[in-house]
């Protein structure tokens, strides 16, 4: 008799890629950041996805029960579930900063190791995805769907950070 499959956690997500905005759900295997940073997983699977292009063109909104997205294209991901966000462990040292991404600027709290200089944090990360907290997001483009402008946490892909500095008056 076959064993029943384990129930994987499913989280509603909003995803900003280099070309699309997705509203979807994401199933993770293990801790969220470990799942996103798994080097053996070049694509991320999403279920019940509605995909909208960021630029005008012949492609309209598309809805599919399952899609995959290249991790390298994911700019930022918002988990629209408090339990999912609370399961993400972050480093304790915090600096207020501003990060510039394609299509989005975020004022946020950057989390890093106790002895890490903020200038070195991106290069010292073990994976591409990291969490920022107390986020105020400022879209640089008109997004085709909702994306939080204020959030307690946002997951960002360091490969898309174009510029970063501390938030100083």
N, C-alpha and C. Protein backbone atom coordinates (compact mmCIF):
# COMPACT_ATOMS: atom_id res chain seq x y z
N UNK A 1 0.85 -1.17 0.00
CA UNK A 1 0.00 0.00 0.00
C UNK A 1 0.90 1.24 0.00
N UNK A 2 0.70 2.16 -0.94
CA UNK A 2 1.55 3.35 -1.00
C UNK A 2 1.29 4.28 0.18
N UNK A 3 2.37 4.95 0.61
CA UNK A 3 2.25 5.90 1.71
C UNK A 3 1.62 7.19 1.19
N UNK A 4 0.79 7.83 2.00
CA UNK A 4 0.20 9.10 1.57
C UNK A 4 1.30 10.17 1.49
N UNK A 5 1.14 11.08 0.53
CA UNK A 5 2.10 12.16 0.39
C UNK A 5 1.96 13.15 1.56
N UNK A 6 3.09 13.66 1.98
CA UNK A 6 3.09 14.65 3.06
C UNK A 6 2.43 15.94 2.58
N UNK A 7 1.73 16.60 3.48
CA UNK A 7 1.13 17.89 3.16
C UNK A 7 2.23 18.96 3.22
N UNK A 8 2.47 19.60 2.13
CA UNK A 8 3.47 20.67 2.09
C UNK A 8 2.78 21.99 2.38
N UNK A 9 3.47 22.89 3.09
CA UNK A 9 2.86 24.20 3.32
C UNK A 9 2.67 24.95 2.02
N UNK A 10 1.52 25.59 1.87
CA UNK A 10 1.21 26.41 0.69
C UNK A 10 0.96 27.83 1.15
N UNK A 11 1.62 28.75 0.50
CA UNK A 11 1.50 30.16 0.88
C UNK A 11 1.04 30.99 -0.32
N UNK A 12 0.07 31.88 -0.10
CA UNK A 12 -0.25 32.82 -1.17
C UNK A 12 0.93 33.78 -1.33
N UNK A 13 1.30 34.06 -2.57
CA UNK A 13 2.45 34.93 -2.83
C UNK A 13 2.14 35.92 -3.94
N UNK A 14 2.86 37.02 -3.90
CA UNK A 14 2.90 37.98 -4.99
C UNK A 14 4.36 38.06 -5.39
N UNK A 15 4.62 37.89 -6.67
CA UNK A 15 5.98 37.79 -7.16
C UNK A 15 6.21 38.84 -8.25
N UNK A 16 7.31 39.53 -8.14
CA UNK A 16 7.73 40.48 -9.16
C UNK A 16 8.96 39.87 -9.84
N UNK A 17 8.87 39.63 -11.15
CA UNK A 17 10.01 39.14 -11.91
C UNK A 17 10.51 40.27 -12.80
N UNK A 18 11.50 39.98 -13.59
CA UNK A 18 12.03 41.00 -14.50
C UNK A 18 11.02 41.40 -15.56
N UNK A 19 10.04 40.53 -15.85
CA UNK A 19 9.08 40.82 -16.92
C UNK A 19 7.61 40.68 -16.52
N UNK A 20 7.34 40.04 -15.37
CA UNK A 20 5.96 39.73 -15.01
C UNK A 20 5.66 40.00 -13.55
N UNK A 21 4.37 40.12 -13.27
CA UNK A 21 3.84 40.16 -11.91
C UNK A 21 2.96 38.92 -11.77
N UNK A 22 3.18 38.15 -10.71
CA UNK A 22 2.41 36.93 -10.47
C UNK A 22 1.64 37.03 -9.17
N UNK A 23 0.41 36.55 -9.18
CA UNK A 23 -0.34 36.28 -7.96
C UNK A 23 -0.57 34.78 -8.00
N UNK A 24 -0.16 34.10 -6.91
CA UNK A 24 -0.12 32.66 -6.98
C UNK A 24 -0.05 32.07 -5.58
N UNK A 25 0.15 30.76 -5.53
CA UNK A 25 0.50 30.09 -4.28
C UNK A 25 1.80 29.33 -4.53
N UNK A 26 2.56 29.17 -3.46
CA UNK A 26 3.85 28.48 -3.54
C UNK A 26 3.89 27.41 -2.47
N UNK A 27 4.24 26.20 -2.89
CA UNK A 27 4.47 25.10 -1.96
C UNK A 27 5.96 25.03 -1.68
N UNK A 28 6.32 24.95 -0.41
CA UNK A 28 7.73 24.84 -0.08
C UNK A 28 8.03 23.50 0.56
N UNK A 29 9.23 23.03 0.28
CA UNK A 29 9.73 21.83 0.93
C UNK A 29 10.80 22.31 1.90
N UNK A 30 10.53 22.22 3.19
CA UNK A 30 11.46 22.72 4.19
C UNK A 30 11.28 24.21 4.42
N UNK A 31 12.22 24.82 5.17
CA UNK A 31 12.14 26.26 5.44
C UNK A 31 12.12 27.08 4.14
N UNK A 32 11.38 28.17 4.14
CA UNK A 32 11.16 28.96 2.93
C UNK A 32 12.46 29.40 2.28
N UNK A 33 13.36 30.04 3.05
CA UNK A 33 14.60 30.52 2.45
C UNK A 33 15.49 29.38 1.96
N UNK A 34 15.48 28.25 2.66
CA UNK A 34 16.25 27.09 2.19
C UNK A 34 15.70 26.60 0.85
N UNK A 35 14.37 26.57 0.74
CA UNK A 35 13.72 26.15 -0.50
C UNK A 35 14.09 27.10 -1.64
N UNK A 36 14.00 28.40 -1.39
CA UNK A 36 14.30 29.38 -2.44
C UNK A 36 15.78 29.36 -2.83
N UNK A 37 16.66 29.11 -1.87
CA UNK A 37 18.10 29.15 -2.13
C UNK A 37 18.70 27.79 -2.50
N UNK A 38 17.88 26.77 -2.66
CA UNK A 38 18.36 25.44 -3.04
C UNK A 38 19.02 25.52 -4.43
N UNK A 39 20.34 25.31 -4.49
CA UNK A 39 21.06 25.42 -5.77
C UNK A 39 20.65 24.33 -6.76
N UNK A 40 20.07 23.27 -6.29
CA UNK A 40 19.60 22.20 -7.17
C UNK A 40 18.22 22.47 -7.76
N UNK A 41 17.68 23.63 -7.47
CA UNK A 41 16.34 23.99 -7.93
C UNK A 41 16.44 25.28 -8.75
N UNK A 42 16.66 25.19 -10.07
CA UNK A 42 16.81 26.41 -10.88
C UNK A 42 15.50 27.13 -11.16
N UNK A 43 14.38 26.46 -10.97
CA UNK A 43 13.06 27.05 -11.21
C UNK A 43 12.21 26.91 -9.96
N UNK A 44 11.30 27.85 -9.79
CA UNK A 44 10.36 27.80 -8.68
C UNK A 44 8.98 27.44 -9.21
N UNK A 45 8.33 26.46 -8.58
CA UNK A 45 6.98 26.10 -9.01
C UNK A 45 5.92 26.94 -8.29
N UNK A 46 4.91 27.33 -9.04
CA UNK A 46 3.80 28.08 -8.47
C UNK A 46 2.50 27.42 -8.93
N UNK A 47 1.49 27.46 -8.06
CA UNK A 47 0.18 26.89 -8.37
C UNK A 47 -0.86 28.01 -8.43
N UNK A 48 -1.90 27.76 -9.19
CA UNK A 48 -3.03 28.70 -9.30
C UNK A 48 -2.52 30.11 -9.59
N UNK A 49 -1.73 30.24 -10.63
CA UNK A 49 -1.03 31.48 -10.93
C UNK A 49 -1.78 32.35 -11.93
N UNK A 50 -1.81 33.63 -11.65
CA UNK A 50 -2.26 34.64 -12.59
C UNK A 50 -1.04 35.49 -12.90
N UNK A 51 -0.67 35.54 -14.18
CA UNK A 51 0.56 36.19 -14.61
C UNK A 51 0.19 37.38 -15.50
N UNK A 52 0.76 38.54 -15.17
CA UNK A 52 0.52 39.74 -15.97
C UNK A 52 1.86 40.33 -16.39
N UNK A 53 1.98 40.71 -17.65
CA UNK A 53 3.24 41.32 -18.11
C UNK A 53 3.40 42.72 -17.50
N UNK A 54 4.67 43.12 -17.31
CA UNK A 54 4.95 44.45 -16.76
C UNK A 54 4.89 45.54 -17.82
N UNK A 55 5.02 45.14 -19.08
CA UNK A 55 4.98 46.12 -20.16
C UNK A 55 3.81 45.81 -21.09
N UNK A 56 3.31 46.84 -21.74
CA UNK A 56 2.20 46.66 -22.68
C UNK A 56 2.67 45.85 -23.88
N UNK A 57 1.80 45.06 -24.40
CA UNK A 57 2.11 44.26 -25.57
C UNK A 57 0.97 43.32 -25.88
N UNK A 58 1.17 42.39 -26.80
CA UNK A 58 0.08 41.51 -27.21
C UNK A 58 -0.32 40.48 -26.15
N UNK A 59 0.58 40.19 -25.21
CA UNK A 59 0.23 39.20 -24.18
C UNK A 59 -0.60 39.86 -23.09
N UNK A 60 -1.73 39.31 -22.85
CA UNK A 60 -2.56 39.79 -21.75
C UNK A 60 -2.30 38.96 -20.52
N UNK A 61 -3.20 39.05 -19.58
CA UNK A 61 -3.12 38.27 -18.37
C UNK A 61 -3.35 36.79 -18.67
N UNK A 62 -2.55 35.92 -18.05
CA UNK A 62 -2.66 34.48 -18.25
C UNK A 62 -2.84 33.82 -16.89
N UNK A 63 -3.76 32.87 -16.81
CA UNK A 63 -3.95 32.09 -15.58
C UNK A 63 -3.71 30.62 -15.89
N UNK A 64 -2.93 29.98 -15.03
CA UNK A 64 -2.62 28.56 -15.19
C UNK A 64 -2.61 27.90 -13.82
N UNK A 65 -2.96 26.60 -13.80
CA UNK A 65 -2.99 25.87 -12.53
C UNK A 65 -1.57 25.64 -11.99
N UNK A 66 -0.59 25.50 -12.88
CA UNK A 66 0.80 25.33 -12.45
C UNK A 66 1.73 25.98 -13.46
N UNK A 67 2.74 26.67 -12.95
CA UNK A 67 3.79 27.23 -13.79
C UNK A 67 5.12 27.10 -13.06
N UNK A 68 6.20 27.26 -13.79
CA UNK A 68 7.51 27.38 -13.16
C UNK A 68 8.15 28.67 -13.65
N UNK A 69 8.96 29.27 -12.80
CA UNK A 69 9.63 30.53 -13.11
C UNK A 69 11.10 30.35 -12.78
N UNK A 70 11.96 30.79 -13.68
CA UNK A 70 13.40 30.74 -13.41
C UNK A 70 13.71 31.60 -12.19
N UNK A 71 14.43 31.02 -11.22
CA UNK A 71 14.77 31.77 -10.00
C UNK A 71 15.56 33.03 -10.33
N UNK A 72 16.37 32.97 -11.37
CA UNK A 72 17.20 34.12 -11.72
C UNK A 72 16.35 35.31 -12.14
N UNK A 73 15.10 35.09 -12.55
CA UNK A 73 14.21 36.18 -12.98
C UNK A 73 13.41 36.78 -11.83
N UNK A 74 13.35 36.11 -10.69
CA UNK A 74 12.57 36.62 -9.56
C UNK A 74 13.32 37.78 -8.91
N UNK A 75 12.66 38.94 -8.86
CA UNK A 75 13.23 40.14 -8.26
C UNK A 75 12.85 40.22 -6.78
N UNK A 76 11.57 40.06 -6.49
CA UNK A 76 11.07 40.15 -5.11
C UNK A 76 9.84 39.27 -4.97
N UNK A 77 9.64 38.77 -3.75
CA UNK A 77 8.54 37.87 -3.47
C UNK A 77 7.94 38.25 -2.13
N UNK A 78 6.62 38.40 -2.10
CA UNK A 78 5.91 38.70 -0.87
C UNK A 78 5.05 37.50 -0.51
N UNK A 79 5.24 36.97 0.69
CA UNK A 79 4.40 35.88 1.19
C UNK A 79 3.23 36.51 1.91
N UNK A 80 2.04 36.33 1.35
CA UNK A 80 0.83 36.96 1.88
C UNK A 80 0.19 36.06 2.94
N UNK A 81 1.02 35.63 3.90
CA UNK A 81 0.57 34.73 4.96
C UNK A 81 1.48 34.97 6.17
N UNK A 82 0.89 35.43 7.27
CA UNK A 82 1.68 35.77 8.46
C UNK A 82 2.45 34.57 9.00
N UNK A 83 1.86 33.38 8.96
CA UNK A 83 2.55 32.19 9.44
C UNK A 83 3.77 31.88 8.58
N UNK A 84 3.62 32.00 7.27
CA UNK A 84 4.75 31.78 6.37
C UNK A 84 5.88 32.77 6.61
N UNK A 85 5.53 34.05 6.78
CA UNK A 85 6.55 35.07 7.03
C UNK A 85 7.23 34.84 8.37
N UNK A 86 6.47 34.46 9.38
CA UNK A 86 7.05 34.28 10.72
C UNK A 86 7.96 33.06 10.78
N UNK A 87 7.86 32.16 9.82
CA UNK A 87 8.73 30.97 9.82
C UNK A 87 10.13 31.27 9.29
N UNK A 88 10.35 32.47 8.77
CA UNK A 88 11.63 32.82 8.17
C UNK A 88 12.55 33.39 9.24
N UNK A 89 13.71 32.75 9.40
CA UNK A 89 14.70 33.21 10.37
C UNK A 89 15.62 34.23 9.73
N UNK A 90 15.83 35.33 10.43
CA UNK A 90 16.70 36.40 9.94
C UNK A 90 17.81 36.65 10.95
N UNK A 91 18.92 37.20 10.46
CA UNK A 91 20.02 37.57 11.35
C UNK A 91 19.58 38.74 12.21
N UNK A 92 20.20 38.88 13.39
CA UNK A 92 19.71 39.85 14.39
C UNK A 92 20.15 41.29 14.16
N UNK A 93 21.35 41.49 13.63
CA UNK A 93 21.83 42.87 13.46
C UNK A 93 21.06 43.54 12.33
N UNK A 94 20.59 44.75 12.58
CA UNK A 94 19.73 45.45 11.62
C UNK A 94 20.29 46.83 11.32
N UNK A 95 20.29 47.19 10.05
CA UNK A 95 20.61 48.54 9.60
C UNK A 95 19.45 48.99 8.70
N UNK A 96 19.03 50.24 8.84
CA UNK A 96 18.01 50.79 7.93
C UNK A 96 18.68 51.11 6.61
N UNK A 97 18.11 50.64 5.52
CA UNK A 97 18.71 50.87 4.23
C UNK A 97 17.69 51.08 3.13
N UNK A 98 18.21 51.41 1.98
CA UNK A 98 17.38 51.55 0.78
C UNK A 98 18.02 50.70 -0.30
N UNK A 99 17.20 49.82 -0.90
CA UNK A 99 17.69 48.98 -1.98
C UNK A 99 16.93 49.31 -3.26
N UNK A 100 17.67 49.32 -4.35
CA UNK A 100 17.12 49.65 -5.66
C UNK A 100 17.10 48.38 -6.51
N UNK A 101 15.91 48.02 -6.94
CA UNK A 101 15.68 46.82 -7.74
C UNK A 101 15.07 47.25 -9.07
N UNK A 102 15.09 46.39 -10.07
CA UNK A 102 14.37 46.72 -11.31
C UNK A 102 12.88 46.93 -11.01
N UNK A 103 12.39 48.12 -11.24
CA UNK A 103 10.98 48.42 -11.06
C UNK A 103 10.54 48.74 -9.65
N UNK A 104 11.46 48.71 -8.67
CA UNK A 104 11.05 48.85 -7.27
C UNK A 104 12.20 49.41 -6.44
N UNK A 105 11.88 50.36 -5.56
CA UNK A 105 12.83 50.84 -4.56
C UNK A 105 12.23 50.52 -3.20
N UNK A 106 13.04 49.98 -2.29
CA UNK A 106 12.54 49.60 -0.97
C UNK A 106 13.35 50.26 0.13
N UNK A 107 12.65 50.94 1.02
CA UNK A 107 13.25 51.39 2.29
C UNK A 107 12.93 50.28 3.27
N UNK A 108 13.95 49.78 3.96
CA UNK A 108 13.72 48.58 4.75
C UNK A 108 14.80 48.39 5.81
N UNK A 109 14.60 47.38 6.62
CA UNK A 109 15.61 46.94 7.57
C UNK A 109 16.39 45.80 6.93
N UNK A 110 17.71 45.95 6.87
CA UNK A 110 18.61 44.93 6.33
C UNK A 110 19.15 44.11 7.49
N UNK A 111 19.12 42.81 7.36
CA UNK A 111 19.57 41.92 8.43
C UNK A 111 20.91 41.32 8.04
N UNK A 112 21.87 41.36 8.99
CA UNK A 112 23.21 40.85 8.69
C UNK A 112 23.86 40.31 9.95
N UNK A 113 24.99 39.63 9.76
CA UNK A 113 25.73 39.08 10.88
C UNK A 113 26.31 40.17 11.76
N UNK A 114 26.62 39.82 13.00
CA UNK A 114 27.09 40.79 14.00
C UNK A 114 28.34 41.53 13.54
N UNK A 115 29.24 40.87 12.84
CA UNK A 115 30.49 41.49 12.42
C UNK A 115 30.49 41.89 10.95
N UNK A 116 29.37 41.80 10.28
CA UNK A 116 29.30 42.09 8.85
C UNK A 116 29.08 43.58 8.60
N UNK A 117 29.89 44.13 7.73
CA UNK A 117 29.66 45.51 7.29
C UNK A 117 28.53 45.48 6.28
N UNK A 118 27.67 46.51 6.31
CA UNK A 118 26.53 46.52 5.38
C UNK A 118 27.01 46.48 3.94
N UNK A 119 28.18 47.07 3.67
CA UNK A 119 28.72 47.11 2.31
C UNK A 119 29.07 45.71 1.80
N UNK A 120 29.29 44.77 2.72
CA UNK A 120 29.72 43.42 2.35
C UNK A 120 28.61 42.38 2.42
N UNK A 121 27.45 42.76 2.92
CA UNK A 121 26.41 41.76 3.23
C UNK A 121 25.96 40.96 2.01
N UNK A 122 25.79 41.59 0.87
CA UNK A 122 25.31 40.86 -0.31
C UNK A 122 26.32 39.81 -0.77
N UNK A 123 27.59 40.14 -0.71
CA UNK A 123 28.62 39.21 -1.13
C UNK A 123 28.85 38.07 -0.16
N UNK A 124 28.45 38.23 1.09
CA UNK A 124 28.66 37.19 2.10
C UNK A 124 27.47 36.26 2.29
N UNK A 125 26.38 36.53 1.59
CA UNK A 125 25.19 35.70 1.75
C UNK A 125 25.43 34.31 1.15
N UNK A 126 24.94 33.28 1.83
CA UNK A 126 25.11 31.92 1.29
C UNK A 126 24.20 31.62 0.10
N UNK A 127 23.14 32.39 -0.08
CA UNK A 127 22.20 32.17 -1.18
C UNK A 127 21.79 33.50 -1.79
N UNK A 128 20.98 33.42 -2.83
CA UNK A 128 20.55 34.63 -3.53
C UNK A 128 19.39 35.34 -2.86
N UNK A 129 18.52 34.60 -2.18
CA UNK A 129 17.32 35.20 -1.61
C UNK A 129 17.53 35.53 -0.13
N UNK A 130 17.07 36.73 0.25
CA UNK A 130 17.19 37.15 1.64
C UNK A 130 15.96 37.97 2.01
N UNK A 131 15.68 38.00 3.30
CA UNK A 131 14.52 38.74 3.79
C UNK A 131 14.90 40.12 4.29
N UNK A 132 14.06 41.09 4.00
CA UNK A 132 14.16 42.43 4.56
C UNK A 132 12.86 42.70 5.29
N UNK A 133 12.92 43.53 6.32
CA UNK A 133 11.73 43.77 7.14
C UNK A 133 11.39 45.26 7.20
N UNK A 134 10.23 45.55 7.79
CA UNK A 134 9.73 46.93 7.92
C UNK A 134 9.87 47.65 6.58
N UNK A 135 9.27 47.07 5.56
CA UNK A 135 9.45 47.51 4.18
C UNK A 135 8.44 48.57 3.77
N UNK A 136 8.95 49.60 3.12
CA UNK A 136 8.12 50.54 2.38
C UNK A 136 8.60 50.43 0.94
N UNK A 137 7.72 49.94 0.06
CA UNK A 137 8.09 49.71 -1.34
C UNK A 137 7.52 50.81 -2.22
N UNK A 138 8.37 51.29 -3.13
CA UNK A 138 7.98 52.36 -4.04
C UNK A 138 8.16 51.86 -5.47
N UNK A 139 7.06 51.45 -6.13
CA UNK A 139 7.18 50.98 -7.51
C UNK A 139 7.65 52.10 -8.44
N UNK A 140 8.56 51.77 -9.33
CA UNK A 140 9.06 52.72 -10.32
C UNK A 140 8.28 52.62 -11.63
N UNK A 141 7.42 51.61 -11.70
CA UNK A 141 6.57 51.37 -12.87
C UNK A 141 5.16 51.12 -12.37
N UNK A 142 4.20 51.23 -13.24
CA UNK A 142 2.83 50.88 -12.88
C UNK A 142 2.71 49.37 -12.92
N UNK A 143 2.48 48.78 -11.76
CA UNK A 143 2.36 47.33 -11.69
C UNK A 143 0.96 46.89 -12.11
N UNK A 144 0.85 45.78 -12.84
CA UNK A 144 -0.46 45.34 -13.33
C UNK A 144 -1.34 44.69 -12.28
N UNK A 145 -0.83 44.53 -11.08
CA UNK A 145 -1.60 43.91 -10.01
C UNK A 145 -1.11 44.41 -8.67
N UNK A 146 -1.77 44.00 -7.60
CA UNK A 146 -1.38 44.49 -6.27
C UNK A 146 -0.02 43.97 -5.84
N UNK A 147 0.75 44.83 -5.24
CA UNK A 147 2.02 44.46 -4.63
C UNK A 147 2.12 45.36 -3.40
N UNK A 148 2.46 44.79 -2.24
CA UNK A 148 2.39 45.59 -1.01
C UNK A 148 3.34 46.78 -1.02
N UNK A 149 2.82 47.94 -0.66
CA UNK A 149 3.68 49.11 -0.54
C UNK A 149 4.22 49.24 0.87
N UNK A 150 3.59 48.55 1.82
CA UNK A 150 4.12 48.43 3.17
C UNK A 150 3.98 46.97 3.57
N UNK A 151 5.07 46.42 4.10
CA UNK A 151 5.04 45.01 4.48
C UNK A 151 6.00 44.77 5.64
N UNK A 152 5.65 43.81 6.49
CA UNK A 152 6.56 43.49 7.58
C UNK A 152 7.78 42.72 7.06
N UNK A 153 7.64 42.04 5.90
CA UNK A 153 8.77 41.32 5.32
C UNK A 153 8.59 41.15 3.82
N UNK A 154 9.70 41.22 3.11
CA UNK A 154 9.75 40.99 1.68
C UNK A 154 10.99 40.16 1.42
N UNK A 155 10.90 39.22 0.51
CA UNK A 155 12.07 38.42 0.13
C UNK A 155 12.60 38.99 -1.18
N UNK A 156 13.90 39.25 -1.21
CA UNK A 156 14.55 39.92 -2.33
C UNK A 156 15.64 39.01 -2.89
N UNK A 157 15.83 39.08 -4.20
CA UNK A 157 16.92 38.34 -4.86
C UNK A 157 18.12 39.29 -4.97
N UNK A 158 19.21 38.95 -4.32
CA UNK A 158 20.39 39.83 -4.30
C UNK A 158 20.96 40.06 -5.69
N UNK A 159 20.71 39.15 -6.63
CA UNK A 159 21.22 39.30 -7.99
C UNK A 159 20.57 40.48 -8.72
N UNK A 160 19.46 40.98 -8.18
CA UNK A 160 18.77 42.10 -8.81
C UNK A 160 18.95 43.42 -8.06
N UNK A 161 19.72 43.41 -6.98
CA UNK A 161 19.99 44.65 -6.27
C UNK A 161 20.94 45.47 -7.13
N UNK A 162 20.46 46.60 -7.64
CA UNK A 162 21.25 47.46 -8.53
C UNK A 162 22.09 48.47 -7.75
N UNK A 163 21.57 48.85 -6.58
CA UNK A 163 22.27 49.81 -5.73
C UNK A 163 21.67 49.69 -4.33
N UNK A 164 22.49 50.01 -3.34
CA UNK A 164 22.02 49.93 -1.95
C UNK A 164 22.81 50.96 -1.14
N UNK A 165 22.14 51.57 -0.18
CA UNK A 165 22.83 52.45 0.75
C UNK A 165 22.04 52.51 2.05
N UNK A 166 22.69 53.02 3.09
CA UNK A 166 21.99 53.17 4.35
C UNK A 166 20.99 54.31 4.24
N UNK A 167 19.93 54.21 5.03
CA UNK A 167 18.88 55.23 5.06
C UNK A 167 19.28 56.27 6.09
N UNK A 168 19.90 57.33 5.60
CA UNK A 168 20.39 58.40 6.49
C UNK A 168 19.65 59.69 6.16
N UNK A 169 19.33 60.46 7.20
CA UNK A 169 18.63 61.73 6.97
C UNK A 169 19.50 62.73 6.24
